[in-house]
Amino acid sequence: MIIFFLFNIISTYNKMSIYNNKIIYDLHQTPVSLAKEIINSINWNDNENVCDPFAGDGSFYENLPSNVKKSYAEITKGIDFRDIDYKNIETIISNPPYDLGEDNRVRKNSFYKILEYFSLTPVKRIIFLCSQSCFNSITPKRLKQLHQNGLYIQKITICNCKKWYGRYYVLYMTRDVNMMVDYFINNFD
């Protein structure tokens, strides 16, 4: 029993790291094969300004096509996504973190907070890989807010990732009005 307890403590410790004197959980790096598949499914323009604001180990950033201008942010390298000037960025592609590690609290789903942040930038196209729990954080009220901010889901691609134990979604969002993904704002009995 004591050995099992110690193993759990060691396992948990190995899944965490320290940043700014805060504990953050281990990053789930996007498999390169999945990043390449997503990148290959996208039409890229020559000299398009593309940013990966949560670059991690570079699965997206390192595999972007050579005809685009690319940039990145990565908090573990000292570049916060909020420090980037997005006025000339045309496309964002990334696997955002589940938790931004803000405040002293237990892990919290930050996906919508990240989406809302980018909905207020001039970026024309946002492509995010997200888990089921992150996708489910887009409530009708939140989707309405994204629409009011001029951001619309154009396409959803479902993929399996055995490494992460389940379904993941690629959300393709643009500024083009699209009510294909709509909502009922009321709560029902």
Foldseek 3Di string as FASTA:
>chain_A
DVVVVVVVVVVQVVQWDADPNFIDGHFDDDPLVVLLVVLVVDDDDAQAEEEAADQVVNSNPVNHDPRYHYYYAHVVVPGHSVNDQCQRHAEYEYADGQAPRPDPDPGHGCLLVVLLVVLQHPHFKYKYKYDPVSVVVCAQVSQVVSVVSQKDFDDKDWDADVVVPGIIIITIIGSDDDCPPHHDPDDDD
